[in-house]
Amino acid sequence: EEGCLTQEKILRRPRKLVSGYSGKVNQSKVEISTGHSRKILNNHLDNLGLSAEFAVSVVSRRMGKISHLTFNEKWNDVPFDRSETLEFWVGIGPRRLSAVSPLNPARYSQKGDGIPIFWNAKRQGKSLCYYVGHYKCILFDVFDKPIKFKGEDRAALLEFEFVKYSQTLAGKLEDIQDNEA
């Protein structure tokens, strides 16, 4: 299929080589919000301006529209800084590709102000989601054969460009009290 990449031809953008940097959100220079559990965030969807619940899947959608994305630190790397694109390595399975297909900029128009992206990371035994900014998808490549990333087969690579960091959303996240759960 035209536009598919092989492992030999993958067109990954170059990454900064920073000593000791392992792709973790707490090591990045990317601004992040206060972290909260999915359960707590789901109690504040209206206030946060999000339409779909935080679930285990990356894509949170309601009535066919994508509300936000939540990447897991175990399977993806946060960019070192805003000059780098955010990569999403899509796992194997038709449902996974189907879920991300509306992000394909060659087929669908992208929101000008981007999509809110959250980063799920384990901290002190808790799984917390941090807002890392609004991004838009600029590259959507489906591989002709799976490519290994972080030890797992991947079906596609999506790259996102930083659009903005909403201080309003970050402030609302800051105001949430964690003792609500």
Protein backbone atom coordinates (compact mmCIF):
# COMPACT_ATOMS: atom_id res chain seq x y z
CA GLU A 1 0.00 0.00 0.00
CA GLU A 2 1.30 3.44 -0.89
CA GLY A 3 2.56 5.46 2.06
CA CYS A 4 3.38 2.41 4.19
CA LEU A 5 6.77 2.22 5.80
CA THR A 6 9.10 -0.71 6.17
CA GLN A 7 11.44 -0.99 9.13
CA GLU A 8 14.30 0.06 6.84
CA LYS A 9 12.49 3.19 5.58
CA ILE A 10 10.80 4.54 8.70
CA LEU A 11 10.86 8.32 8.51
CA ARG A 12 11.09 9.12 12.19
CA ARG A 13 12.06 12.69 12.96
CA PRO A 14 15.42 12.98 14.68
CA ARG A 15 15.39 13.05 18.47
CA LYS A 16 17.67 15.06 20.71
CA LEU A 17 20.24 12.88 22.41
CA VAL A 18 20.12 14.03 26.00
CA SER A 19 22.25 12.18 28.53
CA GLY A 20 20.07 10.31 31.03
CA TYR A 21 16.75 11.14 29.31
CA SER A 22 14.49 8.09 29.04
CA GLY A 23 11.26 9.58 27.70
CA LYS A 24 9.57 9.96 31.08
CA VAL A 25 7.29 12.96 31.62
CA ASN A 26 9.07 14.01 34.83
CA GLN A 27 12.41 14.21 32.96
CA SER A 28 11.06 16.26 30.05
CA LYS A 29 11.18 20.04 29.66
CA VAL A 30 7.55 19.88 28.46
CA GLU A 31 5.22 21.78 30.80
CA ILE A 32 2.80 19.47 32.60
CA SER A 33 -0.23 19.91 34.82
CA THR A 34 -0.97 18.44 38.20
CA GLY A 35 -1.56 14.69 37.85
CA HIS A 36 -4.81 12.95 38.81
CA SER A 37 -6.24 9.46 38.56
CA ARG A 38 -8.66 8.64 35.76
CA LYS A 39 -11.41 8.17 38.36
CA ILE A 40 -10.95 11.69 39.73
CA LEU A 41 -10.73 13.23 36.25
CA ASN A 42 -13.95 11.44 35.22
CA ASN A 43 -15.74 13.26 38.07
CA HIS A 44 -14.76 16.63 36.51
CA LEU A 45 -15.28 16.16 32.76
CA ASP A 46 -17.75 19.04 32.35
CA ASN A 47 -15.58 21.50 34.28
CA LEU A 48 -12.53 20.43 32.23
CA GLY A 49 -14.40 20.85 28.93
CA LEU A 50 -13.96 17.19 27.98
CA SER A 51 -16.80 15.13 26.57
CA ALA A 52 -15.60 11.54 27.08
CA GLU A 53 -14.39 9.58 30.09
CA PHE A 54 -10.78 8.66 30.71
CA ALA A 55 -10.56 4.93 30.05
CA VAL A 56 -7.74 2.46 29.44
CA SER A 57 -7.71 3.12 25.69
CA VAL A 58 -5.69 5.99 24.22
CA VAL A 59 -8.60 7.54 22.34
CA SER A 60 -11.46 8.95 24.42
CA ARG A 61 -14.47 9.67 22.27
CA ARG A 62 -18.15 10.36 22.63
CA MET A 63 -20.72 10.11 19.85
CA GLY A 64 -17.94 9.59 17.30
CA LYS A 65 -15.95 12.70 18.25
CA ILE A 66 -12.53 12.52 19.85
CA SER A 67 -12.47 14.37 23.16
CA HIS A 68 -8.83 13.80 24.16
CA LEU A 69 -5.98 11.30 24.04
CA THR A 70 -4.19 9.63 26.94
CA PHE A 71 -0.80 8.07 26.24
CA ASN A 72 0.79 5.55 28.60
CA GLU A 73 4.38 6.28 29.59
CA LYS A 74 5.16 2.55 29.56
CA TRP A 75 4.54 2.34 25.80
CA ASN A 76 5.39 5.84 24.53
CA ASP A 77 7.98 8.57 25.13
CA VAL A 78 7.10 12.18 25.86
CA PRO A 79 9.21 14.61 23.78
CA PHE A 80 12.20 16.14 25.54
CA ASP A 81 10.88 19.62 24.69
CA ARG A 82 8.23 21.36 22.55
CA SER A 83 10.50 21.50 19.47
CA GLU A 84 10.14 17.74 19.05
CA THR A 85 7.03 15.97 17.82
CA LEU A 86 5.09 13.71 20.15
CA GLU A 87 5.11 10.14 18.83
CA PHE A 88 2.33 7.61 19.29
CA TRP A 89 3.29 4.05 18.41
CA VAL A 90 -0.02 2.28 17.71
CA GLY A 91 -0.26 -1.33 18.85
CA ILE A 92 -1.38 -4.24 16.70
CA GLY A 93 -5.09 -4.80 16.08
CA PRO A 94 -7.82 -3.54 13.75
CA ARG A 95 -9.71 -1.77 16.55
CA ARG A 96 -6.63 0.23 17.46
CA LEU A 97 -6.11 1.47 13.90
CA SER A 98 -9.82 2.16 13.54
CA ALA A 99 -9.84 4.20 16.78
CA VAL A 100 -7.02 6.47 15.59
CA SER A 101 -8.09 6.77 11.94
CA PRO A 102 -9.90 10.14 12.48
CA LEU A 103 -6.48 11.56 13.41
CA ASN A 104 -5.14 10.94 9.89
CA PRO A 105 -4.49 14.46 8.52
CA ALA A 106 -4.51 13.18 4.92
CA ARG A 107 -8.12 12.03 5.28
CA TYR A 108 -9.70 14.20 7.97
CA SER A 109 -9.40 17.86 8.84
CA GLN A 110 -7.72 18.43 12.19
CA LYS A 111 -8.92 20.84 14.87
CA GLY A 112 -6.94 24.05 14.50
CA ASP A 113 -6.40 24.37 18.24
CA GLY A 114 -5.43 20.70 18.52
CA ILE A 115 -6.56 17.88 20.79
CA PRO A 116 -5.84 17.81 24.53
CA ILE A 117 -3.26 15.14 25.28
CA PHE A 118 -2.73 13.57 28.67
CA TRP A 119 0.22 11.47 29.79
CA ASN A 120 -0.44 8.51 32.09
CA ALA A 121 2.48 7.67 34.38
CA LYS A 122 2.99 5.69 37.56
CA ARG A 123 4.13 7.84 40.47
CA GLN A 124 4.57 6.43 43.98
CA GLY A 125 2.44 3.40 43.07
CA LYS A 126 -0.41 5.50 41.62
CA SER A 127 -1.38 5.81 37.98
CA LEU A 128 -1.79 9.54 37.29
CA CYS A 129 -2.74 11.47 34.15
CA TYR A 130 -0.97 14.77 33.39
CA TYR A 131 -2.08 17.29 30.76
CA VAL A 132 0.88 17.93 28.43
CA GLY A 133 -0.75 20.26 25.89
CA HIS A 134 -2.92 20.46 22.80
CA TYR A 135 -1.42 18.80 19.72
CA LYS A 136 -2.47 18.02 16.15
CA CYS A 137 -1.52 14.98 14.12
CA ILE A 138 0.87 15.78 11.27
CA LEU A 139 2.05 12.29 10.29
CA PHE A 140 0.05 9.05 10.09
CA ASP A 141 2.05 6.10 8.81
CA VAL A 142 0.74 2.55 8.79
CA PHE A 143 3.52 -0.06 8.49
CA ASP A 144 3.40 -2.88 5.97
CA LYS A 145 4.98 -5.15 8.62
CA PRO A 146 4.94 -4.63 12.38
CA ILE A 147 7.86 -2.65 13.85
CA LYS A 148 9.10 -3.21 17.39
CA PHE A 149 9.10 -0.25 19.76
CA LYS A 150 9.67 -0.73 23.51
CA GLY A 151 9.66 -4.47 22.92
CA GLU A 152 6.18 -4.64 21.36
CA ASP A 153 4.97 -4.93 17.78
CA ARG A 154 3.50 -1.69 16.44
CA ALA A 155 1.18 -1.23 13.47
CA ALA A 156 1.62 2.51 12.89
CA LEU A 157 3.39 5.67 13.96
CA LEU A 158 1.52 8.93 14.46
CA GLU A 159 3.39 12.16 15.08
CA PHE A 160 1.82 15.17 16.74
CA GLU A 161 2.93 18.78 16.61
CA PHE A 162 2.52 21.03 19.64
CA VAL A 163 -0.21 23.68 19.23
CA LYS A 164 -0.70 25.21 22.68
CA TYR A 165 -0.64 24.67 26.41
CA SER A 166 -3.95 25.74 27.94
CA GLN A 167 -3.29 27.54 31.21
CA THR A 168 -7.07 27.51 31.76
CA LEU A 169 -7.24 23.70 31.60
CA ALA A 170 -4.05 23.37 33.67
CA GLY A 171 -5.54 25.72 36.29
CA LYS A 172 -8.73 23.67 36.49
CA LEU A 173 -6.64 20.53 36.98
CA GLU A 174 -4.66 22.31 39.70
CA ASP A 175 -7.90 23.16 41.53
CA ILE A 176 -9.09 19.54 41.72
CA GLN A 177 -8.68 18.02 45.18
CA ASP A 178 -7.32 14.45 45.12
CA ASN A 179 -9.16 13.46 48.28
CA GLU A 180 -12.42 13.23 46.33
CA ALA A 181 -11.95 9.63 45.18
